[in-house]
């Protein structure tokens, strides 16, 4: 698992190896879910030009990786500046 901060890339700049899926806000932050390799990430918008991503690799079980990434995103979100 990784939590990454991108201070010059917003959620519109996400690069994925699969589809980028809009999901309900996580707390007060817009969010998208995307795959990268066999992992899953949740990107949380901080500003239009910055974001924080939670990435989880889980072997070949991408669905499980997305579940874990979502749980961790809900833990990280309150620590982010308001969007």
C-alpha atoms as a PDB file:
ATOM      1  CA  UNK A   1       0.000   0.000   0.000  1.00  0.00           C
ATOM      2  CA  UNK A   2       1.122   3.522  -0.787  1.00  0.00           C
ATOM      3  CA  UNK A   3      -0.225   6.987  -0.132  1.00  0.00           C
ATOM      4  CA  UNK A   4       1.142   9.490  -2.628  1.00  0.00           C
ATOM      5  CA  UNK A   5       0.800  13.264  -2.831  1.00  0.00           C
ATOM      6  CA  UNK A   6       0.900  15.009  -6.199  1.00  0.00           C
ATOM      7  CA  UNK A   7       1.265  18.754  -5.759  1.00  0.00           C
ATOM      8  CA  UNK A   8       1.113  19.585  -9.476  1.00  0.00           C
ATOM      9  CA  UNK A   9      -1.310  16.911 -10.790  1.00  0.00           C
ATOM     10  CA  UNK A  10      -5.060  16.884 -10.179  1.00  0.00           C
ATOM     11  CA  UNK A  11      -7.506  14.013 -10.608  1.00  0.00           C
ATOM     12  CA  UNK A  12      -7.935  15.045 -14.253  1.00  0.00           C
ATOM     13  CA  UNK A  13      -4.266  14.080 -14.729  1.00  0.00           C
ATOM     14  CA  UNK A  14      -4.600  10.469 -13.492  1.00  0.00           C
ATOM     15  CA  UNK A  15      -2.868   7.947 -15.735  1.00  0.00           C
ATOM     16  CA  UNK A  16      -4.364   4.481 -15.580  1.00  0.00           C
ATOM     17  CA  UNK A  17      -3.863   1.099 -17.187  1.00  0.00           C
ATOM     18  CA  UNK A  18      -7.656   0.648 -17.149  1.00  0.00           C
ATOM     19  CA  UNK A  19     -10.769   2.771 -16.973  1.00  0.00           C
ATOM     20  CA  UNK A  20     -10.991   5.745 -14.625  1.00  0.00           C
ATOM     21  CA  UNK A  21     -14.239   5.551 -12.690  1.00  0.00           C
ATOM     22  CA  UNK A  22     -15.972   8.428 -10.930  1.00  0.00           C
ATOM     23  CA  UNK A  23     -17.029   7.416  -7.434  1.00  0.00           C
ATOM     24  CA  UNK A  24     -18.949   9.250  -4.701  1.00  0.00           C
ATOM     25  CA  UNK A  25     -16.999  11.870  -2.777  1.00  0.00           C
ATOM     26  CA  UNK A  26     -14.784  10.574  -0.014  1.00  0.00           C
ATOM     27  CA  UNK A  27     -15.665  12.890   2.822  1.00  0.00           C
ATOM     28  CA  UNK A  28     -15.571  16.370   1.303  1.00  0.00           C
ATOM     29  CA  UNK A  29     -13.177  15.480  -1.529  1.00  0.00           C
ATOM     30  CA  UNK A  30     -14.003  14.497  -5.104  1.00  0.00           C
ATOM     31  CA  UNK A  31     -12.620  11.058  -5.909  1.00  0.00           C
ATOM     32  CA  UNK A  32     -11.946   8.675  -8.776  1.00  0.00           C
ATOM     33  CA  UNK A  33     -10.982   5.015  -8.767  1.00  0.00           C
ATOM     34  CA  UNK A  34      -8.481   3.649 -11.252  1.00  0.00           C
ATOM     35  CA  UNK A  35      -6.341   0.628 -11.873  1.00  0.00           C
ATOM     36  CA  UNK A  36      -2.624   0.611 -12.344  1.00  0.00           C
ATOM     37  CA  UNK A  37      -1.260  -2.794 -13.228  1.00  0.00           C
ATOM     38  CA  UNK A  38      -2.865  -5.338 -10.901  1.00  0.00           C
ATOM     39  CA  UNK A  39      -3.501  -2.728  -8.207  1.00  0.00           C
ATOM     40  CA  UNK A  40      -6.237  -0.233  -7.500  1.00  0.00           C
ATOM     41  CA  UNK A  41      -6.017   3.418  -6.529  1.00  0.00           C
ATOM     42  CA  UNK A  42      -8.359   6.031  -5.171  1.00  0.00           C
ATOM     43  CA  UNK A  43      -7.381   9.593  -6.114  1.00  0.00           C
ATOM     44  CA  UNK A  44      -8.663  12.359  -3.848  1.00  0.00           C
ATOM     45  CA  UNK A  45      -8.828  15.899  -5.227  1.00  0.00           C
ATOM     46  CA  UNK A  46      -7.234  18.520  -2.992  1.00  0.00           C
ATOM     47  CA  UNK A  47      -7.311  21.292  -5.616  1.00  0.00           C
ATOM     48  CA  UNK A  48      -7.827  21.266  -9.375  1.00  0.00           C
ATOM     49  CA  UNK A  49      -4.050  20.866  -9.664  1.00  0.00           C
ATOM     50  CA  UNK A  50      -3.230  18.589  -6.704  1.00  0.00           C
ATOM     51  CA  UNK A  51      -4.339  15.253  -5.306  1.00  0.00           C
ATOM     52  CA  UNK A  52      -3.541  12.424  -2.945  1.00  0.00           C
ATOM     53  CA  UNK A  53      -3.697   8.813  -4.146  1.00  0.00           C
ATOM     54  CA  UNK A  54      -4.101   5.655  -2.106  1.00  0.00           C
ATOM     55  CA  UNK A  55      -2.707   2.699  -4.074  1.00  0.00           C
ATOM     56  CA  UNK A  56      -3.079  -0.948  -3.065  1.00  0.00           C
ATOM     57  CA  UNK A  57      -1.626  -3.973  -4.857  1.00  0.00           C
ATOM     58  CA  UNK A  58      -3.356  -7.238  -4.110  1.00  0.00           C
ATOM     59  CA  UNK A  59      -2.006  -9.853  -6.499  1.00  0.00           C
ATOM     60  CA  UNK A  60      -4.673 -10.591  -9.077  1.00  0.00           C
ATOM     61  CA  UNK A  61      -7.627  -9.631  -6.849  1.00  0.00           C
ATOM     62  CA  UNK A  62      -8.246  -6.094  -8.063  1.00  0.00           C
ATOM     63  CA  UNK A  63     -11.681  -5.978  -6.440  1.00  0.00           C
ATOM     64  CA  UNK A  64     -10.139  -6.652  -3.025  1.00  0.00           C
ATOM     65  CA  UNK A  65      -7.424  -4.055  -3.697  1.00  0.00           C
ATOM     66  CA  UNK A  66     -10.146  -1.473  -4.450  1.00  0.00           C
ATOM     67  CA  UNK A  67     -11.988  -2.323  -1.229  1.00  0.00           C
ATOM     68  CA  UNK A  68      -8.834  -1.788   0.819  1.00  0.00           C
ATOM     69  CA  UNK A  69      -7.910   1.397  -1.085  1.00  0.00           C
ATOM     70  CA  UNK A  70     -11.387   2.802  -0.373  1.00  0.00           C
ATOM     71  CA  UNK A  71     -11.096   2.020   3.337  1.00  0.00           C
ATOM     72  CA  UNK A  72      -7.690   3.681   3.560  1.00  0.00           C
ATOM     73  CA  UNK A  73      -8.889   6.692   1.521  1.00  0.00           C
ATOM     74  CA  UNK A  74     -11.582   7.271   4.158  1.00  0.00           C
ATOM     75  CA  UNK A  75      -8.844   7.285   6.825  1.00  0.00           C
ATOM     76  CA  UNK A  76      -6.578   9.654   4.863  1.00  0.00           C
ATOM     77  CA  UNK A  77      -9.283  12.100   3.733  1.00  0.00           C
ATOM     78  CA  UNK A  78      -9.820  13.901   7.078  1.00  0.00           C
ATOM     79  CA  UNK A  79      -6.114  14.764   7.156  1.00  0.00           C
ATOM     80  CA  UNK A  80      -6.222  16.529   3.770  1.00  0.00           C
ATOM     81  CA  UNK A  81      -6.705  20.266   3.424  1.00  0.00           C
ATOM     82  CA  UNK A  82     -10.257  21.275   2.426  1.00  0.00           C
ATOM     83  CA  UNK A  83     -10.828  21.193  -1.305  1.00  0.00           C
END
